[in-house]
Amino acid sequence: MVVRFWSAHTTELRYPQYLRHFNQRVLPLLRSKEGFLEARVLAQSDGVVVRFIVETLWYSLASIENFTGPDRESAVINEEALDLLTSYDHRVQHYEVTLREEHCEAATSA
């Protein structure tokens, strides 16, 4: 498995719009790609600027290339998203998942 990281900045006011865009446009596109496994958006705000990272998990680098084309390090950003961002990475980073654990807490009854 491979994690793809991309980061950007926006304003506190525009961040909810970006999340709406991500839910309505980006996630359906990702779900349509073979090998896409999951996505997360991680955010940090100082009250004015929101810095965020989009983390997507893929089965393989080949799966990512199915999404990006041959230049898999190139960020994939549509015009609608560009209007919501104040800055963004033009290149992404990929990391191989070498250790992973999922922990699900069992529900306990009182």
N, C-alpha and C. Protein backbone atom coordinates (compact mmCIF):
# COMPACT_ATOMS: atom_id res chain seq x y z
N MET A 1 0.83 -1.18 0.00
CA MET A 1 0.00 0.00 0.00
C MET A 1 0.88 1.24 0.00
N VAL A 2 0.32 2.31 -0.55
CA VAL A 2 1.05 3.57 -0.68
C VAL A 2 0.14 4.71 -0.23
N VAL A 3 0.72 5.62 0.56
CA VAL A 3 0.00 6.82 0.98
C VAL A 3 0.48 7.99 0.13
N ARG A 4 -0.45 8.75 -0.36
CA ARG A 4 -0.18 9.95 -1.17
C ARG A 4 -0.52 11.16 -0.31
N PHE A 5 0.45 12.07 -0.14
CA PHE A 5 0.26 13.28 0.67
C PHE A 5 0.31 14.51 -0.21
N TRP A 6 -0.63 15.40 0.02
CA TRP A 6 -0.67 16.70 -0.66
C TRP A 6 -1.13 17.73 0.37
N SER A 7 -0.54 18.91 0.35
CA SER A 7 -0.94 19.92 1.33
C SER A 7 -1.26 21.24 0.66
N ALA A 8 -2.05 22.04 1.37
CA ALA A 8 -2.47 23.34 0.86
C ALA A 8 -2.86 24.24 2.03
N HIS A 9 -3.08 25.50 1.70
CA HIS A 9 -3.55 26.49 2.67
C HIS A 9 -4.80 27.16 2.11
N THR A 10 -5.66 27.56 3.01
CA THR A 10 -6.82 28.35 2.65
C THR A 10 -7.18 29.23 3.84
N THR A 11 -8.26 29.95 3.72
CA THR A 11 -8.71 30.78 4.84
C THR A 11 -9.73 30.01 5.67
N GLU A 12 -9.90 30.46 6.89
CA GLU A 12 -10.91 29.87 7.78
C GLU A 12 -12.30 29.92 7.12
N LEU A 13 -12.58 31.00 6.41
CA LEU A 13 -13.89 31.15 5.75
C LEU A 13 -14.07 30.21 4.56
N ARG A 14 -13.00 29.95 3.83
CA ARG A 14 -13.10 29.10 2.63
C ARG A 14 -12.96 27.62 2.92
N TYR A 15 -12.42 27.26 4.08
CA TYR A 15 -12.18 25.84 4.37
C TYR A 15 -13.45 24.99 4.31
N PRO A 16 -14.57 25.43 4.89
CA PRO A 16 -15.79 24.61 4.75
C PRO A 16 -16.19 24.40 3.29
N GLN A 17 -15.96 25.40 2.45
CA GLN A 17 -16.26 25.26 1.02
C GLN A 17 -15.34 24.21 0.39
N TYR A 18 -14.06 24.22 0.80
CA TYR A 18 -13.14 23.22 0.27
C TYR A 18 -13.60 21.82 0.68
N LEU A 19 -13.97 21.64 1.93
CA LEU A 19 -14.44 20.32 2.39
C LEU A 19 -15.68 19.88 1.62
N ARG A 20 -16.57 20.82 1.35
CA ARG A 20 -17.77 20.48 0.56
C ARG A 20 -17.34 20.05 -0.84
N HIS A 21 -16.42 20.78 -1.44
CA HIS A 21 -15.87 20.41 -2.75
C HIS A 21 -15.26 19.01 -2.71
N PHE A 22 -14.46 18.76 -1.67
CA PHE A 22 -13.81 17.46 -1.53
C PHE A 22 -14.85 16.33 -1.45
N ASN A 23 -15.88 16.54 -0.65
CA ASN A 23 -16.93 15.52 -0.51
C ASN A 23 -17.73 15.32 -1.79
N GLN A 24 -18.04 16.40 -2.48
CA GLN A 24 -18.93 16.31 -3.64
C GLN A 24 -18.22 15.99 -4.94
N ARG A 25 -16.95 16.42 -5.09
CA ARG A 25 -16.25 16.25 -6.35
C ARG A 25 -15.07 15.27 -6.28
N VAL A 26 -14.24 15.44 -5.27
CA VAL A 26 -13.02 14.65 -5.21
C VAL A 26 -13.29 13.21 -4.80
N LEU A 27 -14.04 13.01 -3.71
CA LEU A 27 -14.28 11.64 -3.25
C LEU A 27 -14.97 10.76 -4.30
N PRO A 28 -16.00 11.25 -5.00
CA PRO A 28 -16.58 10.39 -6.04
C PRO A 28 -15.57 10.01 -7.13
N LEU A 29 -14.68 10.95 -7.50
CA LEU A 29 -13.65 10.63 -8.49
C LEU A 29 -12.69 9.58 -7.95
N LEU A 30 -12.23 9.76 -6.71
CA LEU A 30 -11.32 8.78 -6.12
C LEU A 30 -11.96 7.40 -6.04
N ARG A 31 -13.22 7.36 -5.60
CA ARG A 31 -13.92 6.07 -5.46
C ARG A 31 -14.04 5.34 -6.80
N SER A 32 -14.02 6.09 -7.88
CA SER A 32 -14.17 5.47 -9.21
C SER A 32 -12.86 4.84 -9.71
N LYS A 33 -11.76 5.09 -9.01
CA LYS A 33 -10.45 4.60 -9.45
C LYS A 33 -10.10 3.28 -8.76
N GLU A 34 -9.77 2.29 -9.55
CA GLU A 34 -9.38 0.99 -9.01
C GLU A 34 -8.11 1.16 -8.17
N GLY A 35 -8.12 0.57 -6.98
CA GLY A 35 -6.96 0.64 -6.11
C GLY A 35 -7.03 1.73 -5.06
N PHE A 36 -8.02 2.63 -5.16
CA PHE A 36 -8.20 3.64 -4.12
C PHE A 36 -8.82 2.95 -2.90
N LEU A 37 -8.25 3.22 -1.71
CA LEU A 37 -8.71 2.56 -0.50
C LEU A 37 -9.38 3.50 0.50
N GLU A 38 -8.78 4.66 0.75
CA GLU A 38 -9.39 5.59 1.71
C GLU A 38 -8.77 6.97 1.58
N ALA A 39 -9.43 7.95 2.20
CA ALA A 39 -8.93 9.33 2.18
C ALA A 39 -9.16 9.99 3.53
N ARG A 40 -8.27 10.91 3.86
CA ARG A 40 -8.39 11.73 5.07
C ARG A 40 -7.98 13.15 4.73
N VAL A 41 -8.62 14.10 5.42
CA VAL A 41 -8.18 15.49 5.35
C VAL A 41 -7.84 15.90 6.78
N LEU A 42 -6.58 16.29 6.98
CA LEU A 42 -6.08 16.69 8.30
C LEU A 42 -5.90 18.20 8.29
N ALA A 43 -6.38 18.89 9.31
CA ALA A 43 -6.33 20.35 9.30
C ALA A 43 -5.76 20.92 10.60
N GLN A 44 -5.17 22.11 10.45
CA GLN A 44 -4.64 22.87 11.57
C GLN A 44 -4.93 24.34 11.26
N SER A 45 -5.52 25.04 12.22
CA SER A 45 -5.90 26.43 11.98
C SER A 45 -5.35 27.34 13.07
N ASP A 46 -4.98 28.55 12.67
CA ASP A 46 -4.60 29.57 13.66
C ASP A 46 -5.73 30.57 13.85
N GLY A 47 -6.91 30.26 13.31
CA GLY A 47 -8.06 31.15 13.40
C GLY A 47 -8.25 32.00 12.15
N VAL A 48 -7.21 32.09 11.34
CA VAL A 48 -7.28 32.86 10.09
C VAL A 48 -6.91 31.96 8.91
N VAL A 49 -5.77 31.30 9.01
CA VAL A 49 -5.28 30.42 7.95
C VAL A 49 -5.47 28.97 8.38
N VAL A 50 -5.97 28.16 7.45
CA VAL A 50 -6.08 26.72 7.68
C VAL A 50 -5.05 26.04 6.80
N ARG A 51 -4.18 25.26 7.43
CA ARG A 51 -3.21 24.43 6.72
C ARG A 51 -3.78 23.01 6.75
N PHE A 52 -3.82 22.37 5.61
CA PHE A 52 -4.38 21.02 5.61
C PHE A 52 -3.59 20.09 4.71
N ILE A 53 -3.71 18.82 5.04
CA ILE A 53 -3.06 17.75 4.29
C ILE A 53 -4.14 16.79 3.82
N VAL A 54 -4.10 16.45 2.56
CA VAL A 54 -4.98 15.40 2.03
C VAL A 54 -4.12 14.15 1.93
N GLU A 55 -4.58 13.11 2.59
CA GLU A 55 -3.88 11.83 2.64
C GLU A 55 -4.79 10.79 1.99
N THR A 56 -4.30 10.16 0.94
CA THR A 56 -5.07 9.09 0.31
C THR A 56 -4.26 7.80 0.36
N LEU A 57 -4.94 6.72 0.55
CA LEU A 57 -4.32 5.40 0.63
C LEU A 57 -4.70 4.62 -0.62
N TRP A 58 -3.67 4.04 -1.25
CA TRP A 58 -3.83 3.31 -2.50
C TRP A 58 -3.23 1.93 -2.38
N TYR A 59 -3.71 1.03 -3.20
CA TYR A 59 -3.20 -0.34 -3.21
C TYR A 59 -1.76 -0.38 -3.70
N SER A 60 -1.42 0.46 -4.69
CA SER A 60 -0.07 0.41 -5.29
C SER A 60 0.22 1.72 -6.02
N LEU A 61 1.47 1.89 -6.43
CA LEU A 61 1.84 3.04 -7.26
C LEU A 61 1.12 2.97 -8.61
N ALA A 62 0.92 1.78 -9.12
CA ALA A 62 0.19 1.61 -10.38
C ALA A 62 -1.24 2.13 -10.23
N SER A 63 -1.85 1.90 -9.07
CA SER A 63 -3.19 2.42 -8.81
C SER A 63 -3.19 3.94 -8.84
N ILE A 64 -2.17 4.53 -8.26
CA ILE A 64 -2.06 6.00 -8.26
C ILE A 64 -1.92 6.52 -9.68
N GLU A 65 -1.11 5.84 -10.49
CA GLU A 65 -0.95 6.27 -11.88
C GLU A 65 -2.24 6.18 -12.67
N ASN A 66 -3.12 5.28 -12.28
CA ASN A 66 -4.44 5.20 -12.90
C ASN A 66 -5.23 6.48 -12.63
N PHE A 67 -4.95 7.13 -11.52
CA PHE A 67 -5.60 8.39 -11.14
C PHE A 67 -4.87 9.59 -11.73
N THR A 68 -3.54 9.59 -11.70
CA THR A 68 -2.76 10.77 -12.05
C THR A 68 -2.26 10.80 -13.49
N GLY A 69 -2.11 9.64 -14.09
CA GLY A 69 -1.39 9.57 -15.35
C GLY A 69 0.08 9.27 -15.05
N PRO A 70 0.95 9.37 -16.05
CA PRO A 70 2.34 8.94 -15.87
C PRO A 70 3.15 9.77 -14.87
N ASP A 71 2.80 11.04 -14.66
CA ASP A 71 3.52 11.88 -13.70
C ASP A 71 2.81 11.81 -12.35
N ARG A 72 3.05 10.74 -11.62
CA ARG A 72 2.30 10.52 -10.38
C ARG A 72 2.65 11.50 -9.28
N GLU A 73 3.76 12.24 -9.39
CA GLU A 73 4.11 13.24 -8.38
C GLU A 73 3.40 14.58 -8.61
N SER A 74 2.75 14.72 -9.73
CA SER A 74 2.04 15.96 -10.03
C SER A 74 0.72 16.01 -9.25
N ALA A 75 0.45 17.15 -8.61
CA ALA A 75 -0.81 17.32 -7.88
C ALA A 75 -1.97 17.35 -8.87
N VAL A 76 -3.08 16.74 -8.48
CA VAL A 76 -4.29 16.74 -9.29
C VAL A 76 -5.28 17.67 -8.60
N ILE A 77 -5.47 18.86 -9.19
CA ILE A 77 -6.32 19.89 -8.58
C ILE A 77 -7.18 20.50 -9.68
N ASN A 78 -8.49 20.54 -9.46
CA ASN A 78 -9.33 21.14 -10.50
C ASN A 78 -9.53 22.64 -10.23
N GLU A 79 -10.05 23.34 -11.21
CA GLU A 79 -10.20 24.80 -11.13
C GLU A 79 -11.05 25.24 -9.95
N GLU A 80 -12.10 24.50 -9.66
CA GLU A 80 -12.98 24.85 -8.54
C GLU A 80 -12.19 24.89 -7.23
N ALA A 81 -11.31 23.93 -7.03
CA ALA A 81 -10.50 23.90 -5.82
C ALA A 81 -9.49 25.03 -5.81
N LEU A 82 -8.89 25.32 -6.95
CA LEU A 82 -7.88 26.39 -7.01
C LEU A 82 -8.44 27.72 -6.52
N ASP A 83 -9.70 27.98 -6.82
CA ASP A 83 -10.33 29.23 -6.39
C ASP A 83 -10.50 29.31 -4.88
N LEU A 84 -10.43 28.17 -4.21
CA LEU A 84 -10.64 28.13 -2.75
C LEU A 84 -9.33 28.15 -1.96
N LEU A 85 -8.21 28.00 -2.65
CA LEU A 85 -6.93 27.86 -1.97
C LEU A 85 -6.11 29.15 -2.03
N THR A 86 -5.33 29.40 -0.98
CA THR A 86 -4.41 30.54 -1.00
C THR A 86 -3.02 30.09 -1.44
N SER A 87 -2.66 28.85 -1.20
CA SER A 87 -1.42 28.25 -1.71
C SER A 87 -1.58 26.74 -1.66
N TYR A 88 -0.75 26.06 -2.44
CA TYR A 88 -0.84 24.60 -2.47
C TYR A 88 0.45 24.01 -3.04
N ASP A 89 0.68 22.76 -2.72
CA ASP A 89 1.82 22.03 -3.28
C ASP A 89 1.50 21.63 -4.72
N HIS A 90 2.44 21.88 -5.60
CA HIS A 90 2.29 21.47 -7.00
C HIS A 90 2.73 20.01 -7.18
N ARG A 91 3.52 19.52 -6.24
CA ARG A 91 4.00 18.15 -6.27
C ARG A 91 3.54 17.45 -5.00
N VAL A 92 3.34 16.17 -5.07
CA VAL A 92 2.90 15.38 -3.92
C VAL A 92 4.02 14.44 -3.49
N GLN A 93 3.82 13.82 -2.35
CA GLN A 93 4.78 12.85 -1.85
C GLN A 93 4.08 11.50 -1.67
N HIS A 94 4.82 10.44 -1.90
CA HIS A 94 4.30 9.09 -1.73
C HIS A 94 5.17 8.34 -0.74
N TYR A 95 4.51 7.59 0.13
CA TYR A 95 5.22 6.77 1.11
C TYR A 95 4.63 5.37 1.09
N GLU A 96 5.50 4.39 1.10
CA GLU A 96 5.07 3.00 1.19
C GLU A 96 4.66 2.71 2.63
N VAL A 97 3.54 2.06 2.80
CA VAL A 97 3.09 1.67 4.13
C VAL A 97 3.86 0.41 4.51
N THR A 98 4.68 0.51 5.53
CA THR A 98 5.49 -0.64 5.94
C THR A 98 4.99 -1.27 7.24
N LEU A 99 4.12 -0.54 7.95
CA LEU A 99 3.50 -1.08 9.15
C LEU A 99 2.15 -0.41 9.32
N ARG A 100 1.14 -1.20 9.61
CA ARG A 100 -0.20 -0.66 9.77
C ARG A 100 -0.93 -1.50 10.80
N GLU A 101 -1.64 -0.82 11.68
CA GLU A 101 -2.50 -1.52 12.64
C GLU A 101 -3.82 -0.79 12.72
N GLU A 102 -4.88 -1.53 12.70
CA GLU A 102 -6.21 -0.96 12.88
C GLU A 102 -6.72 -1.44 14.21
N HIS A 103 -7.22 -0.51 15.00
CA HIS A 103 -7.72 -0.85 16.32
C HIS A 103 -9.16 -0.39 16.43
N CYS A 104 -10.03 -1.30 16.71
CA CYS A 104 -11.44 -0.98 16.90
C CYS A 104 -11.81 -1.34 18.32
N GLU A 105 -12.24 -0.36 19.08
CA GLU A 105 -12.64 -0.63 20.46
C GLU A 105 -14.00 -1.32 20.46
N ALA A 106 -14.09 -2.33 21.29
CA ALA A 106 -15.38 -3.03 21.44
C ALA A 106 -16.31 -2.18 22.29
N ALA A 107 -17.55 -2.15 21.91
CA ALA A 107 -18.55 -1.39 22.68
C ALA A 107 -18.77 -2.13 24.00
N THR A 108 -18.79 -1.38 25.05
CA THR A 108 -19.03 -1.99 26.36
C THR A 108 -20.37 -1.54 26.90
N SER A 109 -21.02 -2.41 27.58
CA SER A 109 -22.32 -2.05 28.16
C SER A 109 -22.10 -1.60 29.60
N ALA A 110 -22.89 -0.64 30.01
CA ALA A 110 -22.73 -0.09 31.37
C ALA A 110 -23.41 -0.93 32.40
